[in-house]
Amino acid sequence: MSKTLSSAAKILVSSFSDDIIKAVFKVLVIKIPDVKEVLSDSYDQLLTNVVTNRNSKTRPELYKDEFMDRLDSFKFVEVTDGDVKFITPDNRNFDFAGRLRVIETILEGVVGVYVEVSEDQYKQIYGKQKIPKNPLDSSASSKEKIYLEKYNNFIRTKEKELKIHLVKYPFSNHPPIDLFTGVDKYVTKHLQSWIDEGVTLAKTVFIKSYSRGFK
């Protein structure tokens, strides 16, 4: 036979549910630095440590600080409709705008051999004052803008004629890189224990609060 909860019981259940949501949210927020550390390690292993050419202006170490700053503004935890969600960054929800477009290009993979061409070099090679394509980073100054050009016979010839040295793009002929797989596996592995930790915390707080009500 079903029973209807009294008003007092309904309030207790509702209060406990709210406590669980708050506690789980609190625990998940505490775990964010660990998650960012995992992603930082993946960045170094998959991107930074791959490039040895110090002349490359697309080497990932130059963009690591900005990548981590962007992580700081990423919304890892949110509460919607009475449910707590932990969101891991991926290629779709992470903001690669501005300078991080360079990193996004690396992650997407590149077919063929390319060289990094500065704005001045581009104008020398093609004899054009107005460049008809976008640089990797549109926010960079004219001096720092880099264009990727396929290293074909025309570019090779111009490189010799103009006596310039073009830096090979370090991720030429490189397949896509899944930067976020490691952090996704890490969160999947630990998420349930984090939730359990939050529930335990909520129970402790609730019992203490409920007990004080009878004193």
Protein backbone atom coordinates (compact mmCIF):
# COMPACT_ATOMS: atom_id res chain seq x y z
CA MET A 1 0.00 0.00 0.00
CA SER A 2 1.37 3.39 -0.96
CA LYS A 3 1.76 6.09 1.63
CA THR A 4 1.82 9.81 1.23
CA LEU A 5 4.69 11.67 2.81
CA SER A 6 3.80 14.22 5.43
CA SER A 7 4.70 17.84 4.72
CA ALA A 8 7.57 17.63 7.20
CA ALA A 9 8.94 14.48 5.52
CA LYS A 10 8.69 16.08 2.08
CA ILE A 11 10.72 19.04 3.32
CA LEU A 12 13.37 16.68 4.72
CA VAL A 13 13.64 14.74 1.45
CA SER A 14 13.83 17.93 -0.57
CA SER A 15 16.44 19.37 1.76
CA PHE A 16 18.55 16.22 1.58
CA SER A 17 18.38 16.22 -2.22
CA ASP A 18 19.56 19.82 -2.28
CA ASP A 19 22.38 18.95 0.12
CA ILE A 20 23.52 16.12 -2.17
CA ILE A 21 23.60 18.41 -5.21
CA LYS A 22 25.55 21.07 -3.31
CA ALA A 23 27.99 18.52 -1.87
CA VAL A 24 28.63 16.76 -5.18
CA PHE A 25 29.08 20.14 -6.87
CA LYS A 26 31.59 21.14 -4.19
CA VAL A 27 33.58 17.92 -4.54
CA LEU A 28 33.66 18.12 -8.35
CA VAL A 29 34.90 21.70 -8.25
CA ILE A 30 37.69 20.61 -5.89
CA LYS A 31 38.76 17.99 -8.46
CA ILE A 32 39.13 20.49 -11.33
CA PRO A 33 42.83 21.30 -10.68
CA ASP A 34 43.65 17.58 -10.91
CA VAL A 35 41.79 17.33 -14.21
CA LYS A 36 43.64 20.35 -15.59
CA GLU A 37 46.95 18.81 -14.53
CA VAL A 38 46.14 15.65 -16.50
CA LEU A 39 45.36 17.74 -19.57
CA SER A 40 48.53 19.78 -19.07
CA ASP A 41 50.59 16.57 -19.07
CA SER A 42 48.83 15.37 -22.23
CA TYR A 43 49.59 18.70 -23.92
CA ASP A 44 53.29 18.32 -23.17
CA GLN A 45 53.47 14.66 -24.18
CA LEU A 46 51.47 14.92 -27.40
CA LEU A 47 52.42 18.42 -28.54
CA THR A 48 55.28 20.20 -26.78
CA ASN A 49 57.73 17.31 -26.68
CA VAL A 50 57.17 16.44 -30.34
CA VAL A 51 58.73 19.63 -31.73
CA THR A 52 62.51 20.04 -31.65
CA ASN A 53 62.93 22.91 -34.13
CA ARG A 54 63.35 26.03 -31.99
CA ASN A 55 62.85 28.26 -35.05
CA SER A 56 59.27 27.17 -35.55
CA LYS A 57 56.73 29.80 -34.58
CA THR A 58 54.01 27.17 -34.33
CA ARG A 59 55.68 25.07 -31.68
CA PRO A 60 53.07 24.30 -29.00
CA GLU A 61 55.17 25.44 -26.04
CA LEU A 62 54.61 29.03 -27.22
CA TYR A 63 50.87 28.57 -26.72
CA LYS A 64 50.82 26.48 -23.53
CA ASP A 65 50.22 29.38 -21.13
CA GLU A 66 47.29 30.64 -23.16
CA PHE A 67 45.89 27.13 -23.41
CA MET A 68 45.97 26.79 -19.62
CA ASP A 69 44.44 30.25 -19.19
CA ARG A 70 41.61 29.21 -21.47
CA LEU A 71 41.13 26.10 -19.33
CA ASP A 72 40.72 28.34 -16.30
CA SER A 73 37.65 29.89 -17.92
CA PHE A 74 36.22 26.55 -19.04
CA LYS A 75 33.02 25.56 -17.24
CA PHE A 76 33.77 22.08 -15.95
CA VAL A 77 30.83 21.74 -13.55
CA GLU A 78 27.25 22.89 -13.95
CA VAL A 79 23.88 22.22 -12.34
CA THR A 80 20.87 21.86 -14.62
CA ASP A 81 17.39 20.68 -13.70
CA GLY A 82 18.53 19.36 -10.34
CA ASP A 83 21.40 17.40 -11.87
CA VAL A 84 25.14 17.97 -11.50
CA LYS A 85 27.23 17.51 -14.64
CA PHE A 86 30.99 17.30 -15.05
CA ILE A 87 32.00 18.47 -18.50
CA THR A 88 35.34 17.46 -19.97
CA PRO A 89 36.89 19.63 -22.70
CA ASP A 90 36.97 18.28 -26.25
CA ASN A 91 37.55 19.54 -29.77
CA ARG A 92 33.96 20.77 -30.01
CA ASN A 93 33.38 22.57 -26.73
CA PHE A 94 36.84 24.04 -26.12
CA ASP A 95 37.45 27.62 -27.24
CA PHE A 96 40.32 27.70 -29.75
CA ALA A 97 39.70 31.30 -30.83
CA GLY A 98 42.59 33.70 -31.39
CA ARG A 99 46.10 32.38 -30.94
CA LEU A 100 44.88 28.90 -30.10
CA ARG A 101 43.77 28.48 -33.70
CA VAL A 102 47.38 27.32 -34.20
CA ILE A 103 46.78 24.45 -31.76
CA GLU A 104 43.42 23.61 -33.30
CA THR A 105 45.10 23.27 -36.72
CA ILE A 106 47.66 20.88 -35.24
CA LEU A 107 44.95 18.75 -33.62
CA GLU A 108 42.99 18.53 -36.88
CA GLY A 109 45.99 17.02 -38.66
CA VAL A 110 47.71 18.12 -41.88
CA VAL A 111 48.21 16.15 -45.09
CA GLY A 112 51.33 17.12 -47.03
CA VAL A 113 54.57 18.95 -46.28
CA TYR A 114 54.17 22.63 -45.39
CA VAL A 115 56.45 25.50 -44.47
CA GLU A 116 55.87 28.47 -42.22
CA VAL A 117 55.85 31.71 -44.19
CA SER A 118 55.91 35.15 -42.57
CA GLU A 119 53.95 38.08 -43.97
CA ASP A 120 57.08 39.64 -45.48
CA GLN A 121 58.18 36.33 -46.98
CA TYR A 122 54.73 35.79 -48.47
CA LYS A 123 54.86 39.17 -50.20
CA GLN A 124 58.38 38.41 -51.47
CA ILE A 125 57.39 35.03 -52.84
CA TYR A 126 54.14 36.02 -54.52
CA GLY A 127 54.82 39.71 -55.17
CA LYS A 128 51.55 40.70 -53.58
CA GLN A 129 50.96 43.44 -51.04
CA LYS A 130 47.53 42.12 -50.12
CA ILE A 131 47.56 38.52 -48.93
CA PRO A 132 44.45 36.63 -50.10
CA LYS A 133 44.35 34.14 -47.23
CA ASN A 134 44.14 34.15 -43.47
CA PRO A 135 47.15 33.50 -41.23
CA LEU A 136 47.06 30.79 -38.60
CA ASP A 137 46.59 33.48 -35.96
CA SER A 138 44.68 36.51 -37.22
CA SER A 139 45.18 38.32 -33.91
CA ALA A 140 48.99 38.35 -34.25
CA SER A 141 50.92 41.44 -35.31
CA SER A 142 52.11 41.68 -38.94
CA LYS A 143 55.59 40.67 -37.84
CA GLU A 144 54.35 37.56 -36.06
CA LYS A 145 51.71 36.34 -38.53
CA ILE A 146 52.40 32.93 -40.03
CA TYR A 147 50.96 31.37 -43.16
CA LEU A 148 51.19 27.69 -44.01
CA GLU A 149 52.24 27.07 -47.60
CA LYS A 150 52.60 23.70 -49.25
CA TYR A 151 56.28 23.03 -49.93
CA ASN A 152 56.00 22.48 -53.66
CA ASN A 153 58.46 23.12 -56.50
CA PHE A 154 57.37 26.74 -56.85
CA ILE A 155 58.08 27.48 -53.19
CA ARG A 156 61.40 25.62 -53.33
CA THR A 157 62.47 27.64 -56.35
CA LYS A 158 61.49 30.93 -54.73
CA GLU A 159 63.28 29.97 -51.55
CA LYS A 160 66.55 29.57 -53.55
CA GLU A 161 66.01 32.67 -55.68
CA LEU A 162 65.27 34.93 -52.73
CA LYS A 163 67.91 33.24 -50.56
CA ILE A 164 65.51 32.83 -47.67
CA HIS A 165 65.13 29.92 -45.31
CA LEU A 166 61.60 28.65 -44.74
CA VAL A 167 60.97 26.68 -41.57
CA LYS A 168 59.27 23.35 -42.12
CA TYR A 169 55.93 23.09 -40.35
CA PRO A 170 56.68 20.53 -37.60
CA PHE A 171 53.30 18.82 -37.91
CA SER A 172 53.48 18.28 -41.67
CA ASN A 173 51.97 14.96 -42.76
CA HIS A 174 50.74 14.42 -39.23
CA PRO A 175 47.47 12.64 -38.46
CA PRO A 176 44.88 14.23 -36.14
CA ILE A 177 45.85 14.33 -32.48
CA ASP A 178 43.28 13.52 -29.82
CA LEU A 179 44.49 15.76 -27.03
CA PHE A 180 41.49 15.17 -24.81
CA THR A 181 41.28 11.36 -24.70
CA GLY A 182 43.52 11.08 -21.64
CA VAL A 183 41.54 13.53 -19.55
CA ASP A 184 38.25 11.95 -20.63
CA LYS A 185 39.48 8.52 -19.48
CA TYR A 186 40.70 10.03 -16.22
CA VAL A 187 37.33 11.62 -15.45
CA THR A 188 35.41 8.49 -16.47
CA LYS A 189 37.58 6.40 -14.15
CA HIS A 190 37.15 8.64 -11.10
CA LEU A 191 33.75 10.29 -11.56
CA GLN A 192 31.72 7.73 -9.63
CA SER A 193 34.07 7.86 -6.64
CA TRP A 194 33.83 11.68 -6.70
CA ILE A 195 30.04 11.47 -6.69
CA ASP A 196 30.13 8.95 -3.84
CA GLU A 197 32.41 11.32 -1.94
CA GLY A 198 29.88 14.09 -2.41
CA VAL A 199 26.97 11.92 -1.29
CA THR A 200 28.88 10.86 1.83
CA LEU A 201 29.63 14.49 2.60
CA ALA A 202 25.95 15.39 2.17
CA LYS A 203 24.88 12.59 4.49
CA THR A 204 27.29 13.73 7.18
CA VAL A 205 26.14 17.34 6.95
CA PHE A 206 22.48 16.33 6.83
CA ILE A 207 22.70 14.02 9.86
CA LYS A 208 24.48 16.66 11.91
CA SER A 209 21.95 19.31 10.93
CA TYR A 210 18.98 16.98 11.48
CA SER A 211 20.32 15.88 14.87
CA ARG A 212 20.65 19.45 16.05
CA GLY A 213 16.97 19.96 15.30
CA PHE A 214 16.04 17.53 18.07
CA LYS A 215 18.21 19.11 20.74
